[in-house]
Protein backbone atom coordinates (compact mmCIF):
# COMPACT_ATOMS: atom_id res chain seq x y z
CA MET A 1 131.81 128.22 115.40
CA GLU A 2 132.36 131.75 114.14
CA GLU A 3 132.97 130.38 110.65
CA LYS A 4 129.62 128.57 110.71
CA ILE A 5 127.82 131.71 111.85
CA ASN A 6 129.53 133.79 109.17
CA GLU A 7 128.66 131.20 106.54
CA LEU A 8 125.02 131.20 107.62
CA LEU A 9 124.92 135.00 107.69
CA ASN A 10 126.31 135.00 104.16
CA ARG A 11 123.62 132.55 103.11
CA ILE A 12 120.93 134.73 104.69
CA THR A 13 122.31 137.76 102.87
CA ILE A 14 122.22 135.86 99.59
CA ILE A 15 118.65 134.70 100.24
CA GLU A 16 117.53 138.23 101.15
CA THR A 17 119.17 139.59 98.00
CA GLN A 18 117.50 136.93 95.91
CA LEU A 19 114.13 137.75 97.42
CA ARG A 20 114.60 141.45 96.76
CA THR A 21 115.72 140.98 93.16
CA GLY A 22 113.01 138.43 92.42
CA SER A 23 115.19 136.37 90.10
CA LYS A 24 113.31 133.57 88.34
CA ASN A 25 115.69 130.84 89.41
CA GLN A 26 115.84 131.97 93.01
CA ILE A 27 113.68 131.60 96.08
CA GLY A 28 110.44 133.49 95.78
CA ASN A 29 108.51 133.36 99.02
CA GLU A 30 108.89 133.75 102.75
CA THR A 31 107.85 130.18 103.55
CA GLN A 32 110.74 128.74 101.56
CA THR A 33 113.12 131.20 103.19
CA ASN A 34 111.94 130.19 106.65
CA GLU A 35 112.34 126.52 105.76
CA LEU A 36 115.91 127.15 104.61
CA LEU A 37 116.70 129.02 107.80
CA GLU A 38 115.15 126.24 109.88
CA THR A 39 117.25 123.65 108.04
CA ALA A 40 120.38 125.70 108.66
CA LEU A 41 119.50 126.08 112.35
CA ASN A 42 118.98 122.34 112.74
CA LYS A 43 122.55 121.72 111.57
CA LEU A 44 123.99 123.84 114.36
CA GLU A 45 124.83 122.77 117.87
CA GLU A 46 122.55 124.09 120.61
CA ASN A 47 124.73 127.00 121.73
CA GLU A 48 125.40 128.01 118.12
CA ARG A 49 121.68 127.75 117.37
CA ASN A 50 120.86 130.12 120.23
CA GLU A 51 123.44 132.64 119.05
CA PHE A 52 122.17 132.40 115.49
CA GLN A 53 118.56 132.90 116.59
CA ILE A 54 119.62 136.00 118.49
CA LEU A 55 121.29 137.29 115.32
CA ILE A 56 118.12 136.62 113.33
CA GLN A 57 115.98 138.48 115.87
CA THR A 58 118.43 141.39 115.96
CA ASN A 59 118.35 141.51 112.17
CA LYS A 60 114.53 141.63 112.21
CA VAL A 61 114.59 144.51 114.69
CA TYR A 62 117.05 146.43 112.51
CA GLN A 63 114.99 145.78 109.39
CA GLU A 64 111.87 147.12 111.12
CA LYS A 65 113.79 150.20 112.27
CA ILE A 66 115.00 150.76 108.71
CA LYS A 67 111.41 150.61 107.44
CA GLU A 68 110.32 153.12 110.08
CA LEU A 69 113.17 155.47 109.20
CA GLU A 70 112.43 155.17 105.48
CA ALA A 71 108.78 156.04 106.15
CA GLU A 72 109.84 159.05 108.22
CA ILE A 73 112.24 160.20 105.49
CA ASN A 74 109.48 159.89 102.90
CA LYS A 75 107.14 161.99 105.08
CA GLN A 76 109.78 164.66 105.56
CA ASN A 77 110.58 164.70 101.84
CA TYR A 78 106.89 165.15 101.07
CA ARG A 79 106.67 168.05 103.54
CA ILE A 80 109.76 169.68 102.05
CA THR A 81 108.39 169.33 98.52
CA HIS A 82 105.03 170.74 99.61
CA LEU A 83 106.66 173.69 101.39
CA LYS A 84 108.87 174.44 98.37
CA LYS A 85 105.77 174.67 96.16
CA HIS A 86 104.23 177.26 98.46
CA ILE A 87 107.42 179.27 98.72
CA ASN A 88 107.86 179.52 94.95
């Protein structure tokens, strides 16, 4: 079971990387990604499916947190840059 989950996590990582890089021969939209994930989920047994869905939700939460932290970092960097201009 752990092997299946690791394999699916690897596939998700590959898909996410492909989406970020925007390669021509790779998946290009969220709908296709969701369809691939749904297909992968359907191949799992019920208990594995539940665990995998929890992993997906946890991943989404972490991704949202990362976006929030990146936005906060950008705001702080802007403030620092602005303050440096006034100091010099």
